[in-house]
Amino acid sequence: MAHELNPDGQVWNNAKSDVGKKIIQSKDDMERVILSTTLFIQNKVELVKIFFKLPNTLYTKYLNSLCYQNLWNA
């Protein structure tokens, strides 16, 4: 699947954008910045919801709906 079609890919795009703005001088800095960035995203529920509402990821809403319909009709 193309990266931009995957909501996870949107998380990583957002993280890379933030990490790319930081000055990183060591491996420890890199680890600290990445952990901080991913925790920030994890705690921003509204931001994560936006990743599922983007034009390229709207299909996930319909797939979820179909999965739940199949579970209830089984």
Protein backbone atom coordinates (compact mmCIF):
# COMPACT_ATOMS: atom_id res chain seq x y z
CA MET A 1 0.00 0.00 0.00
CA ALA A 2 1.22 3.48 -0.81
CA HIS A 3 2.58 5.32 2.21
CA GLU A 4 0.18 8.28 1.86
CA LEU A 5 -2.83 5.93 1.83
CA ASN A 6 -1.98 4.51 5.23
CA PRO A 7 -2.98 6.48 8.37
CA ASP A 8 0.21 5.15 10.01
CA GLY A 9 2.13 6.81 7.21
CA GLN A 10 0.53 10.12 8.15
CA VAL A 11 1.76 9.68 11.73
CA TRP A 12 5.31 9.11 10.48
CA ASN A 13 5.08 12.06 8.07
CA ASN A 14 4.07 14.27 10.96
CA ALA A 15 6.83 12.90 13.19
CA LYS A 16 9.49 13.28 10.50
CA SER A 17 8.42 16.86 9.91
CA ASP A 18 8.80 17.67 13.61
CA VAL A 19 12.05 15.74 14.10
CA GLY A 20 13.53 17.41 11.01
CA LYS A 21 13.24 20.80 12.73
CA LYS A 22 15.32 19.72 15.73
CA ILE A 23 19.08 19.93 16.14
CA ILE A 24 20.33 16.43 16.84
CA GLN A 25 23.95 15.96 17.84
CA SER A 26 24.05 12.38 19.05
CA LYS A 27 22.27 9.05 18.95
CA ASP A 28 20.86 9.78 22.41
CA ASP A 29 19.48 13.12 21.16
CA MET A 30 17.85 11.30 18.26
CA GLU A 31 16.22 8.76 20.55
CA ARG A 32 14.98 11.45 22.94
CA VAL A 33 13.53 13.59 20.14
CA ILE A 34 11.79 10.67 18.44
CA LEU A 35 10.28 9.39 21.68
CA SER A 36 9.14 12.88 22.62
CA THR A 37 7.58 13.45 19.21
CA THR A 38 5.75 10.12 19.10
CA LEU A 39 4.41 10.61 22.64
CA PHE A 40 3.22 14.08 21.67
CA ILE A 41 1.33 12.66 18.68
CA GLN A 42 -0.06 9.80 20.78
CA ASN A 43 -1.54 12.30 23.26
CA LYS A 44 -3.13 14.46 20.55
CA VAL A 45 -6.27 12.43 19.81
CA GLU A 46 -7.74 15.11 17.55
CA LEU A 47 -4.55 15.17 15.46
CA VAL A 48 -4.66 11.39 15.02
CA LYS A 49 -8.34 11.58 14.03
CA ILE A 50 -7.38 14.05 11.29
CA PHE A 51 -5.07 11.43 9.78
CA PHE A 52 -8.14 9.27 9.16
CA LYS A 53 -10.10 12.14 7.60
CA LEU A 54 -7.59 13.08 4.92
CA PRO A 55 -8.72 12.49 1.33
CA ASN A 56 -6.23 9.63 0.86
CA THR A 57 -7.25 7.83 4.05
CA LEU A 58 -11.04 8.23 4.05
CA TYR A 59 -11.35 4.67 2.74
CA THR A 60 -10.54 3.41 6.27
CA LYS A 61 -13.88 4.74 7.52
CA TYR A 62 -15.73 2.64 4.96
CA LEU A 63 -13.61 -0.45 5.60
CA ASN A 64 -14.32 -0.21 9.32
CA SER A 65 -18.02 0.13 8.61
CA LEU A 66 -17.98 -2.96 6.38
CA CYS A 67 -16.08 -4.99 8.98
CA TYR A 68 -18.59 -4.13 11.71
CA GLN A 69 -21.53 -4.93 9.42
CA ASN A 70 -20.01 -8.33 8.64
CA LEU A 71 -19.48 -9.04 12.36
CA TRP A 72 -23.09 -8.21 13.22
CA ASN A 73 -24.50 -10.15 10.28
CA ALA A 74 -22.44 -13.29 10.90
